[in-house]
Structures are given as C-alpha cells and as structure tokens.
C-alpha cells in the first residue's frame, strides 16, 4: 500500500512518539544518544577528592564538555585568573583550606559572569540557602545524577551567555552616558 508523504510522516511520528512514551515509563531501554553541546561549555570542577573529580571529569568529557579540575579553592582562583574561558564552576562546599562558600564569594567578586553550581555530600537547607544568597546558580547532592547535572550546567551556561550578550548590547548603546552604562552593567551582573 502506498501512502502520501504526509501519512508516512504521521505514521513515523506516531510510532516514534509511542516508542518515547514506552521508554519514558521504563518499559524498554532508550538508546544512548551522545550529544555534544552546540557551543562548548567550559567547566571547572573544584573538589578536594581527587578520585571524584577525575571520574566526573571523564564522564563530562566523554559527552563533549571541555573540563578542567583543581583540588582546592585557592587553585580554582589561580586557574580562573589564568583562563578566562570558564563558563561554569562545579564547586564542592566542604574542602580543606578555603571552603566552597569562601571560594564562591571570591569567584563572584572577581568573575561575576562565571556561573557556579555547588556540589555537596553534606547538604543542609541552610547551606543551600547561603550558597544561593552568595550567587550560586544551583545546589546538588553528591553523587549527582549526570543527566540532571548536565541540564543544570547547560542552563547555567545559557544564563552566562545571555548576561554577556546584554552587557555587549549596553556597551554598544551610543545614546546613554558612561555612568548609565556602568549602572546597567552592574544591574546585569547583580541579577
């Protein structure tokens, strides 16, 4: 039997939709689709547990994300000073030396466009609230689900790029004063 192209497309979508519904509810294994982000999202992983950062770095890199890691807050600040292309920092809350909260404070002060997601094995509501108040984009429990982490990393990178774009737009406005530009940029960085 010959169907029109419209009917063929409809059947293909119907079968594909049925497959996705069955897969979503766990009745069958979904095929693994390794997708790379369209624009590379550069990630810095900061944690004092070397085995954890090595494993998570490999998992993220295998999905196309450029990942670097350091083992302390102090090293993170030095790394950010030398590399200006980091989009998202994945930062452990509890580390020896400078803890994650102090590292977050310093990152936000020096690199306000860099987005930070806090990771912790010892989550409390107070810690999460404090991290968000200090400017963290999100807060996840370790070990975290990789697809959930990737969704949060991509959202954080999108936010960084949107803020960068808004700043470029403000700087390009010829009809406002430098003082007005500075105020608008400060508002964007504070958002």
N, C-alpha and C. Protein backbone atom coordinates (compact mmCIF):
# COMPACT_ATOMS: atom_id res chain seq x y z
N UNK A 1 0.85 -1.16 0.00
CA UNK A 1 0.00 0.00 0.00
C UNK A 1 0.90 1.23 0.00
N UNK A 2 0.58 2.23 -0.80
CA UNK A 2 1.37 3.45 -0.91
C UNK A 2 0.62 4.57 -0.19
N UNK A 3 1.33 5.26 0.71
CA UNK A 3 0.76 6.38 1.44
C UNK A 3 1.37 7.67 0.94
N UNK A 4 0.67 8.74 1.12
CA UNK A 4 1.23 10.05 0.76
C UNK A 4 2.35 10.39 1.74
N UNK A 5 3.25 11.33 1.38
CA UNK A 5 4.33 11.71 2.30
C UNK A 5 3.80 12.20 3.65
N UNK A 6 2.64 12.87 3.65
CA UNK A 6 2.06 13.35 4.90
C UNK A 6 1.71 12.17 5.81
N UNK A 7 1.07 11.16 5.23
CA UNK A 7 0.68 9.98 6.02
C UNK A 7 1.92 9.26 6.53
N UNK A 8 2.96 9.13 5.69
CA UNK A 8 4.20 8.48 6.11
C UNK A 8 4.82 9.24 7.29
N UNK A 9 4.86 10.58 7.21
CA UNK A 9 5.40 11.38 8.31
C UNK A 9 4.57 11.19 9.57
N UNK A 10 3.24 11.15 9.41
CA UNK A 10 2.35 10.97 10.55
C UNK A 10 2.61 9.62 11.22
N UNK A 11 2.72 8.56 10.41
CA UNK A 11 2.98 7.23 10.95
C UNK A 11 4.33 7.19 11.66
N UNK A 12 5.35 7.80 11.06
CA UNK A 12 6.68 7.83 11.66
C UNK A 12 6.64 8.53 13.02
N UNK A 13 5.97 9.68 13.10
CA UNK A 13 5.86 10.42 14.36
C UNK A 13 5.04 9.64 15.39
N UNK A 14 4.00 8.98 14.94
CA UNK A 14 3.16 8.20 15.84
C UNK A 14 3.97 7.05 16.46
N UNK A 15 4.66 6.31 15.62
CA UNK A 15 5.47 5.20 16.11
C UNK A 15 6.58 5.72 17.01
N UNK A 16 7.27 6.79 16.58
CA UNK A 16 8.34 7.37 17.39
C UNK A 16 7.82 7.88 18.72
N UNK A 17 6.64 8.53 18.71
CA UNK A 17 6.05 9.03 19.95
C UNK A 17 5.68 7.90 20.88
N UNK A 18 5.11 6.82 20.34
CA UNK A 18 4.77 5.65 21.14
C UNK A 18 6.02 5.07 21.78
N UNK A 19 7.10 4.98 20.98
CA UNK A 19 8.36 4.45 21.48
C UNK A 19 8.87 5.31 22.64
N UNK A 20 8.83 6.65 22.48
CA UNK A 20 9.31 7.55 23.54
C UNK A 20 8.47 7.40 24.80
N UNK A 21 7.16 7.23 24.67
CA UNK A 21 6.29 7.06 25.84
C UNK A 21 6.65 5.77 26.58
N UNK A 22 6.81 4.68 25.84
CA UNK A 22 7.16 3.41 26.45
C UNK A 22 8.52 3.51 27.13
N UNK A 23 9.49 4.12 26.45
CA UNK A 23 10.83 4.26 27.02
C UNK A 23 10.80 5.14 28.26
N UNK A 24 10.02 6.22 28.23
CA UNK A 24 9.94 7.13 29.36
C UNK A 24 9.44 6.42 30.62
N UNK A 25 8.52 5.52 30.47
CA UNK A 25 7.95 4.82 31.62
C UNK A 25 8.76 3.59 32.02
N UNK A 26 9.90 3.40 31.37
CA UNK A 26 10.82 2.36 31.80
C UNK A 26 10.51 0.97 31.27
N UNK A 27 9.64 0.87 30.28
CA UNK A 27 9.31 -0.44 29.76
C UNK A 27 10.34 -0.96 28.78
N UNK A 28 11.17 -0.09 28.25
CA UNK A 28 12.23 -0.52 27.35
C UNK A 28 13.41 0.42 27.49
N UNK A 29 14.56 -0.06 27.14
CA UNK A 29 15.79 0.71 27.24
C UNK A 29 15.82 1.77 26.14
N UNK A 30 16.11 3.00 26.49
CA UNK A 30 16.23 4.05 25.48
C UNK A 30 17.63 3.99 24.89
N UNK A 31 17.74 4.27 23.60
CA UNK A 31 19.07 4.27 23.01
C UNK A 31 19.89 5.42 23.57
N UNK A 32 21.19 5.20 23.77
CA UNK A 32 22.06 6.26 24.27
C UNK A 32 22.39 7.19 23.13
N UNK A 33 22.11 8.45 23.34
CA UNK A 33 22.46 9.44 22.34
C UNK A 33 23.52 10.34 22.95
N UNK A 34 24.72 10.20 22.48
CA UNK A 34 25.81 11.05 22.95
C UNK A 34 25.76 12.33 22.13
N UNK A 35 25.31 13.39 22.77
CA UNK A 35 25.25 14.66 22.08
C UNK A 35 26.28 15.60 22.65
N UNK A 36 26.86 16.37 21.78
CA UNK A 36 27.82 17.37 22.20
C UNK A 36 27.11 18.71 22.21
N UNK A 37 27.45 19.57 23.17
CA UNK A 37 26.83 20.89 23.17
C UNK A 37 27.20 21.64 21.91
N UNK A 38 26.26 22.44 21.37
CA UNK A 38 26.50 23.17 20.13
C UNK A 38 27.67 24.14 20.29
N UNK A 39 27.67 24.91 21.35
CA UNK A 39 28.79 25.78 21.68
C UNK A 39 29.45 25.16 22.91
N UNK A 40 30.74 24.92 22.85
CA UNK A 40 31.38 24.26 24.00
C UNK A 40 31.15 25.03 25.31
N UNK A 41 30.83 24.28 26.34
CA UNK A 41 30.65 24.84 27.68
C UNK A 41 31.87 24.41 28.48
N UNK A 42 32.71 25.37 28.81
CA UNK A 42 33.94 25.09 29.54
C UNK A 42 33.64 25.03 31.04
N UNK A 43 33.98 23.90 31.64
CA UNK A 43 33.65 23.63 33.04
C UNK A 43 34.94 23.52 33.85
N UNK A 44 34.91 24.12 35.05
CA UNK A 44 35.97 23.93 36.02
C UNK A 44 35.37 23.20 37.21
N UNK A 45 35.92 22.05 37.53
CA UNK A 45 35.46 21.23 38.66
C UNK A 45 36.42 21.44 39.82
N UNK A 46 35.88 21.84 40.98
CA UNK A 46 36.70 22.15 42.15
C UNK A 46 36.24 21.26 43.31
N UNK A 47 37.12 20.35 43.73
CA UNK A 47 36.79 19.43 44.81
C UNK A 47 38.10 18.87 45.33
N UNK A 48 38.20 18.64 46.62
CA UNK A 48 39.44 18.11 47.18
C UNK A 48 39.52 16.58 47.14
N UNK A 49 38.50 15.93 46.59
CA UNK A 49 38.52 14.47 46.43
C UNK A 49 38.97 14.14 45.01
N UNK A 50 40.25 13.80 44.86
CA UNK A 50 40.82 13.60 43.54
C UNK A 50 40.11 12.52 42.73
N UNK A 51 39.75 11.42 43.34
CA UNK A 51 39.06 10.35 42.62
C UNK A 51 37.72 10.83 42.06
N UNK A 52 37.00 11.61 42.84
CA UNK A 52 35.71 12.14 42.39
C UNK A 52 35.89 13.06 41.19
N UNK A 53 36.83 14.01 41.27
CA UNK A 53 36.99 14.96 40.16
C UNK A 53 37.49 14.28 38.90
N UNK A 54 38.35 13.29 39.05
CA UNK A 54 38.83 12.58 37.87
C UNK A 54 37.70 11.81 37.20
N UNK A 55 36.89 11.12 37.99
CA UNK A 55 35.78 10.34 37.43
C UNK A 55 34.74 11.26 36.78
N UNK A 56 34.33 12.31 37.48
CA UNK A 56 33.32 13.21 36.91
C UNK A 56 33.86 13.94 35.69
N UNK A 57 35.13 14.31 35.71
CA UNK A 57 35.74 14.96 34.55
C UNK A 57 35.69 14.06 33.33
N UNK A 58 36.03 12.78 33.53
CA UNK A 58 35.98 11.83 32.40
C UNK A 58 34.57 11.68 31.86
N UNK A 59 33.60 11.60 32.77
CA UNK A 59 32.21 11.41 32.34
C UNK A 59 31.71 12.63 31.56
N UNK A 60 32.04 13.82 32.02
CA UNK A 60 31.61 15.03 31.31
C UNK A 60 32.36 15.17 29.98
N UNK A 61 33.65 14.90 29.99
CA UNK A 61 34.45 14.99 28.76
C UNK A 61 33.96 14.01 27.71
N UNK A 62 33.53 12.82 28.14
CA UNK A 62 33.04 11.83 27.18
C UNK A 62 31.74 12.29 26.50
N UNK A 63 31.09 13.27 27.07
CA UNK A 63 29.87 13.83 26.48
C UNK A 63 30.14 15.15 25.77
N UNK A 64 31.42 15.47 25.58
CA UNK A 64 31.77 16.63 24.77
C UNK A 64 32.02 17.92 25.52
N UNK A 65 32.09 17.88 26.83
CA UNK A 65 32.30 19.10 27.61
C UNK A 65 33.79 19.25 27.93
N UNK A 66 34.40 20.38 27.56
CA UNK A 66 35.78 20.62 27.98
C UNK A 66 35.81 20.84 29.50
N UNK A 67 36.55 20.01 30.22
CA UNK A 67 36.57 20.06 31.68
C UNK A 67 38.01 20.14 32.18
N UNK A 68 38.20 21.06 33.12
CA UNK A 68 39.45 21.11 33.87
C UNK A 68 39.08 20.91 35.33
N UNK A 69 40.04 20.48 36.13
CA UNK A 69 39.74 20.37 37.56
C UNK A 69 40.94 20.81 38.39
N UNK A 70 40.61 21.29 39.57
CA UNK A 70 41.61 21.64 40.58
C UNK A 70 41.13 21.06 41.90
N UNK A 71 42.05 20.98 42.86
CA UNK A 71 41.74 20.29 44.11
C UNK A 71 41.57 21.22 45.31
N UNK A 72 41.50 22.54 45.08
CA UNK A 72 41.30 23.46 46.20
C UNK A 72 40.70 24.77 45.71
N UNK A 73 40.14 25.53 46.64
CA UNK A 73 39.59 26.83 46.31
C UNK A 73 40.67 27.79 45.85
N UNK A 74 41.82 27.74 46.50
CA UNK A 74 42.94 28.61 46.11
C UNK A 74 43.37 28.32 44.68
N UNK A 75 43.47 27.03 44.34
CA UNK A 75 43.84 26.66 42.96
C UNK A 75 42.77 27.10 41.97
N UNK A 76 41.52 27.06 42.37
CA UNK A 76 40.44 27.50 41.48
C UNK A 76 40.60 28.97 41.14
N UNK A 77 40.89 29.79 42.13
CA UNK A 77 41.05 31.22 41.87
C UNK A 77 42.26 31.48 40.97
N UNK A 78 43.36 30.77 41.20
CA UNK A 78 44.54 30.92 40.32
C UNK A 78 44.20 30.47 38.90
N UNK A 79 43.47 29.37 38.78
CA UNK A 79 43.11 28.85 37.46
C UNK A 79 42.22 29.86 36.72
N UNK A 80 41.23 30.41 37.41
CA UNK A 80 40.34 31.38 36.77
C UNK A 80 41.10 32.64 36.36
N UNK A 81 42.11 33.00 37.10
CA UNK A 81 42.93 34.16 36.75
C UNK A 81 43.67 33.92 35.43
N UNK A 82 44.13 32.69 35.23
CA UNK A 82 44.92 32.38 34.04
C UNK A 82 44.08 31.97 32.84
N UNK A 83 42.86 31.49 33.07
CA UNK A 83 41.98 31.03 31.98
C UNK A 83 40.67 31.80 32.03
N UNK A 84 40.42 32.57 31.03
CA UNK A 84 39.24 33.44 31.02
C UNK A 84 38.03 32.80 30.34
N UNK A 85 38.16 31.58 29.87
CA UNK A 85 37.07 30.97 29.10
C UNK A 85 36.16 30.04 29.89
N UNK A 86 36.26 30.01 31.20
CA UNK A 86 35.42 29.11 32.00
C UNK A 86 34.00 29.67 32.05
N UNK A 87 33.03 28.82 31.75
CA UNK A 87 31.62 29.21 31.79
C UNK A 87 30.97 28.85 33.11
N UNK A 88 31.24 27.62 33.59
CA UNK A 88 30.57 27.11 34.78
C UNK A 88 31.60 26.45 35.70
N UNK A 89 31.49 26.78 37.00
CA UNK A 89 32.32 26.14 38.01
C UNK A 89 31.43 25.20 38.81
N UNK A 90 31.85 23.95 38.93
CA UNK A 90 31.19 22.97 39.81
C UNK A 90 32.05 22.93 41.07
N UNK A 91 31.48 23.39 42.18
CA UNK A 91 32.26 23.68 43.38
C UNK A 91 31.76 22.89 44.58
N UNK A 92 32.66 22.13 45.20
CA UNK A 92 32.32 21.40 46.42
C UNK A 92 32.19 22.38 47.58
N UNK A 93 31.24 22.13 48.47
CA UNK A 93 31.03 23.00 49.62
C UNK A 93 32.11 22.79 50.66
N UNK A 94 32.38 21.53 51.01
CA UNK A 94 33.36 21.23 52.07
C UNK A 94 34.68 20.80 51.47
N UNK A 95 35.69 21.64 51.68
CA UNK A 95 37.05 21.32 51.22
C UNK A 95 38.01 21.77 52.30
N UNK A 96 39.16 21.12 52.34
CA UNK A 96 40.19 21.59 53.26
C UNK A 96 40.74 22.90 52.73
N UNK A 97 41.31 23.70 53.62
CA UNK A 97 41.79 25.01 53.21
C UNK A 97 40.60 25.93 53.03
N UNK A 98 40.58 26.67 51.94
CA UNK A 98 39.46 27.56 51.66
C UNK A 98 38.23 26.72 51.30
N UNK A 99 37.16 26.86 52.05
CA UNK A 99 35.96 26.05 51.78
C UNK A 99 35.22 26.59 50.56
N UNK A 100 34.21 25.85 50.15
CA UNK A 100 33.46 26.21 48.95
C UNK A 100 32.72 27.53 49.04
N UNK A 101 32.21 27.86 50.22
CA UNK A 101 31.47 29.12 50.38
C UNK A 101 32.39 30.33 50.21
N UNK A 102 33.57 30.26 50.81
CA UNK A 102 34.53 31.36 50.65
C UNK A 102 35.02 31.44 49.22
N UNK A 103 35.25 30.29 48.60
CA UNK A 103 35.65 30.27 47.19
C UNK A 103 34.56 30.89 46.33
N UNK A 104 33.30 30.55 46.61
CA UNK A 104 32.17 31.13 45.88
C UNK A 104 32.17 32.65 46.02
N UNK A 105 32.33 33.15 47.25
CA UNK A 105 32.36 34.61 47.48
C UNK A 105 33.41 35.27 46.59
N UNK A 106 34.60 34.68 46.56
CA UNK A 106 35.70 35.29 45.80
C UNK A 106 35.49 35.17 44.29
N UNK A 107 34.94 34.06 43.85
CA UNK A 107 34.64 33.91 42.41
C UNK A 107 33.63 34.96 41.99
N UNK A 108 32.57 35.12 42.76
CA UNK A 108 31.52 36.10 42.41
C UNK A 108 32.08 37.53 42.41
N UNK A 109 33.00 37.83 43.33
CA UNK A 109 33.58 39.17 43.40
C UNK A 109 34.52 39.44 42.21
N UNK A 110 35.31 38.46 41.84
CA UNK A 110 36.32 38.66 40.77
C UNK A 110 35.80 38.33 39.38
N UNK A 111 34.91 37.35 39.28
CA UNK A 111 34.44 36.86 37.97
C UNK A 111 32.91 36.76 37.99
N UNK A 112 32.22 37.88 38.02
CA UNK A 112 30.77 37.85 38.24
C UNK A 112 29.97 37.17 37.13
N UNK A 113 30.54 37.00 35.95
CA UNK A 113 29.80 36.33 34.88
C UNK A 113 29.90 34.81 34.96
N UNK A 114 30.91 34.30 35.65
CA UNK A 114 31.08 32.85 35.76
C UNK A 114 29.97 32.29 36.65
N UNK A 115 29.27 31.30 36.16
CA UNK A 115 28.19 30.67 36.92
C UNK A 115 28.76 29.55 37.78
N UNK A 116 28.19 29.38 38.96
CA UNK A 116 28.67 28.37 39.90
C UNK A 116 27.54 27.46 40.35
N UNK A 117 27.80 26.17 40.33
CA UNK A 117 26.87 25.17 40.86
C UNK A 117 27.58 24.48 42.02
N UNK A 118 26.95 24.50 43.18
CA UNK A 118 27.55 23.90 44.37
C UNK A 118 27.23 22.40 44.41
N UNK A 119 28.22 21.60 44.79
CA UNK A 119 28.05 20.16 44.96
C UNK A 119 28.42 19.82 46.40
N UNK A 120 27.63 18.98 47.03
CA UNK A 120 27.97 18.59 48.40
C UNK A 120 27.40 17.23 48.74
N UNK A 121 28.11 16.54 49.59
CA UNK A 121 27.61 15.28 50.13
C UNK A 121 26.94 15.51 51.48
N UNK A 122 27.05 16.73 51.99
CA UNK A 122 26.54 17.07 53.33
C UNK A 122 25.56 18.24 53.23
N UNK A 123 24.51 18.09 52.48
CA UNK A 123 23.60 19.21 52.23
C UNK A 123 22.71 19.49 53.44
N UNK A 124 22.55 20.76 53.67
CA UNK A 124 21.55 21.24 54.62
C UNK A 124 20.81 22.37 53.94
N UNK A 125 19.62 22.64 54.41
CA UNK A 125 18.84 23.73 53.82
C UNK A 125 19.58 25.05 54.01
N UNK A 126 20.18 25.24 55.19
CA UNK A 126 20.91 26.48 55.47
C UNK A 126 22.08 26.68 54.50
N UNK A 127 22.80 25.60 54.21
CA UNK A 127 23.93 25.69 53.27
C UNK A 127 23.44 26.05 51.88
N UNK A 128 22.38 25.41 51.44
CA UNK A 128 21.83 25.69 50.11
C UNK A 128 21.35 27.14 50.01
N UNK A 129 20.66 27.61 51.03
CA UNK A 129 20.15 28.99 51.03
C UNK A 129 21.33 29.97 51.02
N UNK A 130 22.33 29.71 51.82
CA UNK A 130 23.50 30.59 51.87
C UNK A 130 24.22 30.61 50.52
N UNK A 131 24.38 29.45 49.90
CA UNK A 131 25.05 29.39 48.59
C UNK A 131 24.27 30.18 47.54
N UNK A 132 22.96 30.06 47.54
CA UNK A 132 22.14 30.80 46.58
C UNK A 132 22.21 32.30 46.88
N UNK A 133 22.23 32.67 48.15
CA UNK A 133 22.34 34.08 48.51
C UNK A 133 23.67 34.67 48.04
N UNK A 134 24.71 33.86 48.08
CA UNK A 134 26.03 34.31 47.64
C UNK A 134 26.19 34.31 46.13
N UNK A 135 25.21 33.78 45.41
CA UNK A 135 25.25 33.85 43.95
C UNK A 135 25.40 32.54 43.22
N UNK A 136 25.33 31.42 43.93
CA UNK A 136 25.40 30.13 43.23
C UNK A 136 24.16 29.96 42.35
N UNK A 137 24.35 29.36 41.21
CA UNK A 137 23.23 29.14 40.29
C UNK A 137 22.35 28.00 40.78
N UNK A 138 22.98 26.98 41.39
CA UNK A 138 22.23 25.81 41.83
C UNK A 138 23.03 25.07 42.89
N UNK A 139 22.40 24.03 43.45
CA UNK A 139 22.99 23.27 44.55
C UNK A 139 22.57 21.81 44.36
N UNK A 140 23.54 20.89 44.27
CA UNK A 140 23.23 19.47 44.05
C UNK A 140 23.93 18.60 45.08
N UNK A 141 23.28 17.49 45.38
CA UNK A 141 23.87 16.49 46.29
C UNK A 141 24.82 15.59 45.50
N UNK A 142 25.95 15.23 46.13
CA UNK A 142 26.87 14.24 45.56
C UNK A 142 26.50 12.87 46.12
N UNK A 143 26.61 11.81 45.40
CA UNK A 143 26.83 11.82 43.96
C UNK A 143 25.55 12.24 43.25
N UNK A 144 25.71 13.03 42.19
CA UNK A 144 24.53 13.54 41.49
C UNK A 144 24.30 12.76 40.21
N UNK A 145 23.08 12.80 39.77
CA UNK A 145 22.67 12.16 38.53
C UNK A 145 23.28 12.95 37.38
N UNK A 146 24.06 12.32 36.50
CA UNK A 146 24.76 13.03 35.44
C UNK A 146 23.81 13.77 34.49
N UNK A 147 22.72 13.16 34.03
CA UNK A 147 21.82 13.93 33.17
C UNK A 147 21.26 15.18 33.86
N UNK A 148 20.95 15.07 35.15
CA UNK A 148 20.47 16.24 35.89
C UNK A 148 21.56 17.30 35.98
N UNK A 149 22.79 16.89 36.25
CA UNK A 149 23.90 17.83 36.31
C UNK A 149 24.10 18.53 34.97
N UNK A 150 24.03 17.78 33.88
CA UNK A 150 24.22 18.36 32.55
C UNK A 150 23.13 19.39 32.26
N UNK A 151 21.89 19.09 32.62
CA UNK A 151 20.81 20.06 32.42
C UNK A 151 21.12 21.35 33.17
N UNK A 152 21.59 21.23 34.40
CA UNK A 152 21.90 22.42 35.21
C UNK A 152 23.11 23.16 34.67
N UNK A 153 24.11 22.45 34.20
CA UNK A 153 25.29 23.09 33.60
C UNK A 153 24.88 23.85 32.35
N UNK A 154 24.07 23.25 31.52
CA UNK A 154 23.65 23.92 30.29
C UNK A 154 22.79 25.15 30.59
N UNK A 155 21.93 25.06 31.59
CA UNK A 155 21.12 26.23 31.99
C UNK A 155 22.02 27.34 32.52
N UNK A 156 23.02 26.98 33.30
CA UNK A 156 23.95 27.99 33.83
C UNK A 156 24.74 28.65 32.70
N UNK A 157 25.20 27.86 31.75
CA UNK A 157 25.95 28.42 30.63
C UNK A 157 25.07 29.33 29.78
N UNK A 158 23.81 28.94 29.59
CA UNK A 158 22.86 29.79 28.85
C UNK A 158 22.70 31.14 29.55
N UNK A 159 22.57 31.08 30.87
CA UNK A 159 22.41 32.32 31.65
C UNK A 159 23.65 33.20 31.51
N UNK A 160 24.82 32.60 31.57
CA UNK A 160 26.06 33.37 31.41
C UNK A 160 26.09 34.05 30.04
N UNK A 161 25.75 33.31 29.01
CA UNK A 161 25.80 33.88 27.65
C UNK A 161 24.75 34.96 27.46
N UNK A 162 23.58 34.79 28.06
CA UNK A 162 22.54 35.83 27.98
C UNK A 162 23.02 37.10 28.66
N UNK A 163 23.64 36.97 29.82
CA UNK A 163 24.15 38.14 30.54
C UNK A 163 25.28 38.80 29.76
N UNK A 164 26.17 38.01 29.16
CA UNK A 164 27.24 38.58 28.33
C UNK A 164 26.66 39.36 27.16
N UNK A 165 25.65 38.80 26.53
CA UNK A 165 25.00 39.46 25.40
C UNK A 165 24.36 40.78 25.81
N UNK A 166 23.70 40.79 26.96
CA UNK A 166 23.07 42.02 27.46
C UNK A 166 24.13 43.09 27.74
N UNK A 167 25.26 42.69 28.28
CA UNK A 167 26.34 43.64 28.56
C UNK A 167 26.88 44.22 27.25
N UNK A 168 27.08 43.38 26.26
CA UNK A 168 27.54 43.86 24.95
C UNK A 168 26.55 44.86 24.37
N UNK A 169 25.25 44.56 24.49
CA UNK A 169 24.22 45.48 24.00
C UNK A 169 24.29 46.83 24.71
N UNK A 170 24.48 46.80 26.01
CA UNK A 170 24.58 48.05 26.78
C UNK A 170 25.80 48.85 26.34
N UNK A 171 26.92 48.19 26.20
CA UNK A 171 28.14 48.89 25.80
C UNK A 171 28.03 49.49 24.41
N UNK A 172 27.20 48.90 23.55
CA UNK A 172 27.05 49.38 22.18
C UNK A 172 26.08 50.55 22.05
N UNK A 173 25.36 50.88 23.09
CA UNK A 173 24.38 51.98 23.03
C UNK A 173 25.10 53.32 22.98
N UNK A 174 24.93 54.05 21.89
CA UNK A 174 25.63 55.34 21.77
C UNK A 174 24.90 56.49 22.48
N UNK A 175 23.66 56.31 22.82
CA UNK A 175 22.83 57.40 23.32
C UNK A 175 22.73 57.49 24.84
N UNK A 176 23.50 56.68 25.56
CA UNK A 176 23.49 56.80 27.02
C UNK A 176 24.91 57.10 27.51
N UNK A 177 24.99 57.71 28.67
CA UNK A 177 26.29 58.11 29.22
C UNK A 177 27.04 56.89 29.76
N UNK A 178 28.33 57.09 29.97
CA UNK A 178 29.14 56.01 30.55
C UNK A 178 28.63 55.64 31.94
N UNK A 179 28.20 56.62 32.70
CA UNK A 179 27.66 56.35 34.05
C UNK A 179 26.41 55.49 33.95
N UNK A 180 25.54 55.78 32.99
CA UNK A 180 24.32 54.97 32.81
C UNK A 180 24.69 53.56 32.36
N UNK A 181 25.69 53.45 31.49
CA UNK A 181 26.15 52.12 31.05
C UNK A 181 26.66 51.32 32.25
N UNK A 182 27.48 51.95 33.10
CA UNK A 182 28.01 51.27 34.26
C UNK A 182 26.90 50.80 35.19
N UNK A 183 25.88 51.63 35.37
CA UNK A 183 24.76 51.26 36.24
C UNK A 183 23.99 50.07 35.66
N UNK A 184 23.76 50.10 34.34
CA UNK A 184 23.05 48.98 33.70
C UNK A 184 23.87 47.67 33.78
N UNK A 185 25.17 47.78 33.55
CA UNK A 185 26.02 46.60 33.61
C UNK A 185 26.06 46.06 35.04
N UNK A 186 26.13 46.94 36.03
CA UNK A 186 26.12 46.49 37.43
C UNK A 186 24.82 45.76 37.75
N UNK A 187 23.71 46.26 37.21
CA UNK A 187 22.42 45.60 37.43
C UNK A 187 22.39 44.21 36.79
N UNK A 188 22.97 44.10 35.59
CA UNK A 188 23.03 42.79 34.90
C UNK A 188 23.89 41.83 35.71
N UNK A 189 25.03 42.30 36.18
CA UNK A 189 25.93 41.42 36.96
C UNK A 189 25.32 41.04 38.29
N UNK A 190 24.47 41.89 38.84
CA UNK A 190 23.84 41.58 40.12
C UNK A 190 22.62 40.70 40.00
N UNK A 191 22.18 40.46 38.76
CA UNK A 191 20.97 39.65 38.56
C UNK A 191 21.26 38.18 38.65
